[in-house]
Amino acid sequence: MAWDRVEGNWKQIKGTIKEKWGKLTDDDLDVIDGKREQLEGKIQERYGVEKSKAKAEVDTWFSDYDRRP
């Protein structure tokens, strides 16, 4: 699956994102609007992690999400 499916289904996926990264606010999720770079940036900001760590977390989440039926 390509990230564009995440973008296209963002409204449905927001709940899953919030379960994983609970510090993200509804406003954050609205601003992110399915954009991967925005998600990584907000994770960095809210959790105080380096860019590489945020990217790795999103990679892992995306890989797990992609395997869902």
N, C-alpha and C. Protein backbone atom coordinates (compact mmCIF):
# COMPACT_ATOMS: atom_id res chain seq x y z
N MET A 1 0.85 -1.18 0.00
CA MET A 1 0.00 0.00 0.00
C MET A 1 0.89 1.23 0.00
N ALA A 2 0.49 2.19 -0.73
CA ALA A 2 1.22 3.45 -0.78
C ALA A 2 0.62 4.41 0.25
N TRP A 3 1.43 5.38 0.68
CA TRP A 3 0.98 6.34 1.68
C TRP A 3 -0.26 7.10 1.20
N ASP A 4 -0.47 7.20 -0.10
CA ASP A 4 -1.63 7.94 -0.60
C ASP A 4 -2.95 7.34 -0.11
N ARG A 5 -2.96 6.05 0.20
CA ARG A 5 -4.17 5.45 0.78
C ARG A 5 -4.42 5.98 2.18
N VAL A 6 -3.35 6.23 2.92
CA VAL A 6 -3.48 6.82 4.25
C VAL A 6 -4.08 8.21 4.10
N GLU A 7 -3.53 8.98 3.19
CA GLU A 7 -4.05 10.33 2.96
C GLU A 7 -5.53 10.28 2.57
N GLY A 8 -5.88 9.36 1.69
CA GLY A 8 -7.26 9.26 1.21
C GLY A 8 -8.25 8.82 2.27
N ASN A 9 -7.76 8.08 3.25
CA ASN A 9 -8.62 7.56 4.31
C ASN A 9 -8.34 8.22 5.66
N TRP A 10 -7.76 9.40 5.63
CA TRP A 10 -7.29 10.06 6.85
C TRP A 10 -8.38 10.17 7.91
N LYS A 11 -9.58 10.53 7.53
CA LYS A 11 -10.65 10.70 8.53
C LYS A 11 -10.91 9.40 9.28
N GLN A 12 -10.84 8.28 8.61
CA GLN A 12 -11.06 6.99 9.26
C GLN A 12 -9.84 6.56 10.06
N ILE A 13 -8.66 6.96 9.64
CA ILE A 13 -7.41 6.52 10.25
C ILE A 13 -7.04 7.36 11.48
N LYS A 14 -7.59 8.55 11.60
CA LYS A 14 -7.21 9.44 12.70
C LYS A 14 -7.34 8.77 14.07
N GLY A 15 -8.35 7.96 14.26
CA GLY A 15 -8.53 7.27 15.54
C GLY A 15 -7.39 6.32 15.84
N THR A 16 -6.93 5.61 14.82
CA THR A 16 -5.81 4.70 14.98
C THR A 16 -4.54 5.46 15.33
N ILE A 17 -4.35 6.59 14.68
CA ILE A 17 -3.18 7.44 14.95
C ILE A 17 -3.23 7.94 16.39
N LYS A 18 -4.40 8.35 16.82
CA LYS A 18 -4.54 8.88 18.18
C LYS A 18 -4.32 7.79 19.23
N GLU A 19 -4.69 6.56 18.92
CA GLU A 19 -4.41 5.45 19.84
C GLU A 19 -2.91 5.25 19.99
N LYS A 20 -2.20 5.35 18.89
CA LYS A 20 -0.74 5.14 18.90
C LYS A 20 -0.01 6.32 19.52
N TRP A 21 -0.38 7.52 19.15
CA TRP A 21 0.29 8.73 19.62
C TRP A 21 -0.74 9.63 20.30
N GLY A 22 -1.07 9.30 21.53
CA GLY A 22 -2.12 9.98 22.27
C GLY A 22 -1.86 11.45 22.58
N LYS A 23 -0.62 11.87 22.49
CA LYS A 23 -0.31 13.28 22.75
C LYS A 23 -0.70 14.19 21.59
N LEU A 24 -1.00 13.61 20.44
CA LEU A 24 -1.44 14.41 19.30
C LEU A 24 -2.88 14.85 19.54
N THR A 25 -3.14 16.11 19.34
CA THR A 25 -4.47 16.66 19.55
C THR A 25 -5.31 16.52 18.28
N ASP A 26 -6.61 16.74 18.43
CA ASP A 26 -7.48 16.74 17.26
C ASP A 26 -7.05 17.84 16.29
N ASP A 27 -6.64 18.98 16.83
CA ASP A 27 -6.15 20.07 15.97
C ASP A 27 -4.90 19.64 15.21
N ASP A 28 -3.99 18.93 15.90
CA ASP A 28 -2.79 18.41 15.24
C ASP A 28 -3.19 17.52 14.07
N LEU A 29 -4.13 16.63 14.31
CA LEU A 29 -4.55 15.68 13.29
C LEU A 29 -5.21 16.38 12.11
N ASP A 30 -5.93 17.46 12.40
CA ASP A 30 -6.53 18.23 11.31
C ASP A 30 -5.46 18.92 10.47
N VAL A 31 -4.43 19.44 11.12
CA VAL A 31 -3.33 20.10 10.40
C VAL A 31 -2.53 19.08 9.60
N ILE A 32 -2.27 17.92 10.19
CA ILE A 32 -1.50 16.87 9.52
C ILE A 32 -2.19 16.44 8.23
N ASP A 33 -3.50 16.23 8.31
CA ASP A 33 -4.34 15.91 7.16
C ASP A 33 -3.76 14.81 6.27
N GLY A 34 -3.17 13.80 6.91
CA GLY A 34 -2.67 12.65 6.16
C GLY A 34 -1.28 12.80 5.59
N LYS A 35 -0.65 13.92 5.78
CA LYS A 35 0.69 14.15 5.23
C LYS A 35 1.74 13.53 6.15
N ARG A 36 2.52 12.64 5.61
CA ARG A 36 3.50 11.89 6.40
C ARG A 36 4.52 12.81 7.07
N GLU A 37 5.05 13.78 6.36
CA GLU A 37 6.06 14.67 6.93
C GLU A 37 5.48 15.47 8.09
N GLN A 38 4.22 15.87 7.95
CA GLN A 38 3.55 16.61 9.03
C GLN A 38 3.38 15.72 10.26
N LEU A 39 3.01 14.47 10.04
CA LEU A 39 2.84 13.53 11.14
C LEU A 39 4.17 13.34 11.86
N GLU A 40 5.23 13.10 11.11
CA GLU A 40 6.54 12.92 11.73
C GLU A 40 6.95 14.16 12.52
N GLY A 41 6.70 15.33 11.96
CA GLY A 41 7.05 16.58 12.64
C GLY A 41 6.28 16.77 13.94
N LYS A 42 5.00 16.45 13.93
CA LYS A 42 4.19 16.59 15.15
C LYS A 42 4.60 15.57 16.21
N ILE A 43 4.99 14.38 15.78
CA ILE A 43 5.48 13.38 16.73
C ILE A 43 6.77 13.90 17.37
N GLN A 44 7.67 14.45 16.56
CA GLN A 44 8.90 15.04 17.09
C GLN A 44 8.57 16.10 18.14
N GLU A 45 7.66 16.98 17.79
CA GLU A 45 7.30 18.11 18.64
C GLU A 45 6.66 17.65 19.95
N ARG A 46 5.68 16.78 19.86
CA ARG A 46 4.92 16.37 21.05
C ARG A 46 5.70 15.42 21.96
N TYR A 47 6.54 14.58 21.36
CA TYR A 47 7.24 13.57 22.15
C TYR A 47 8.70 13.89 22.38
N GLY A 48 9.21 14.97 21.77
CA GLY A 48 10.59 15.37 21.99
C GLY A 48 11.60 14.36 21.50
N VAL A 49 11.31 13.75 20.36
CA VAL A 49 12.23 12.76 19.79
C VAL A 49 12.89 13.32 18.55
N GLU A 50 14.00 12.71 18.16
CA GLU A 50 14.71 13.12 16.96
C GLU A 50 13.92 12.73 15.72
N LYS A 51 14.23 13.39 14.63
CA LYS A 51 13.54 13.14 13.37
C LYS A 51 13.64 11.67 12.97
N SER A 52 14.82 11.08 13.13
CA SER A 52 15.00 9.67 12.73
C SER A 52 14.11 8.74 13.57
N LYS A 53 13.94 9.05 14.85
CA LYS A 53 13.08 8.24 15.72
C LYS A 53 11.61 8.37 15.31
N ALA A 54 11.17 9.60 15.02
CA ALA A 54 9.79 9.81 14.58
C ALA A 54 9.54 9.08 13.27
N LYS A 55 10.50 9.16 12.35
CA LYS A 55 10.36 8.47 11.06
C LYS A 55 10.27 6.96 11.26
N ALA A 56 11.11 6.43 12.13
CA ALA A 56 11.11 4.98 12.39
C ALA A 56 9.77 4.55 13.00
N GLU A 57 9.23 5.35 13.91
CA GLU A 57 7.94 5.02 14.51
C GLU A 57 6.83 5.01 13.47
N VAL A 58 6.84 5.99 12.59
CA VAL A 58 5.82 6.05 11.53
C VAL A 58 6.01 4.87 10.58
N ASP A 59 7.25 4.54 10.25
CA ASP A 59 7.52 3.38 9.39
C ASP A 59 6.93 2.11 9.99
N THR A 60 7.16 1.91 11.29
CA THR A 60 6.66 0.72 11.97
C THR A 60 5.13 0.71 11.98
N TRP A 61 4.53 1.85 12.34
CA TRP A 61 3.07 1.93 12.35
C TRP A 61 2.50 1.64 10.97
N PHE A 62 3.10 2.25 9.95
CA PHE A 62 2.62 2.09 8.59
C PHE A 62 2.73 0.64 8.13
N SER A 63 3.84 0.01 8.47
CA SER A 63 4.03 -1.40 8.10
C SER A 63 2.97 -2.27 8.74
N ASP A 64 2.68 -2.04 10.03
CA ASP A 64 1.63 -2.80 10.71
C ASP A 64 0.26 -2.49 10.11
N TYR A 65 0.00 -1.23 9.84
CA TYR A 65 -1.28 -0.82 9.26
C TYR A 65 -1.48 -1.46 7.89
N ASP A 66 -0.41 -1.49 7.12
CA ASP A 66 -0.47 -2.01 5.76
C ASP A 66 -0.80 -3.50 5.74
N ARG A 67 -0.46 -4.21 6.79
CA ARG A 67 -0.71 -5.65 6.86
C ARG A 67 -2.11 -5.99 7.33
N ARG A 68 -2.87 -4.98 7.74
CA ARG A 68 -4.24 -5.24 8.22
C ARG A 68 -5.11 -5.73 7.06
N PRO A 69 -6.07 -6.61 7.37
CA PRO A 69 -6.97 -7.09 6.31
C PRO A 69 -7.93 -6.02 5.85
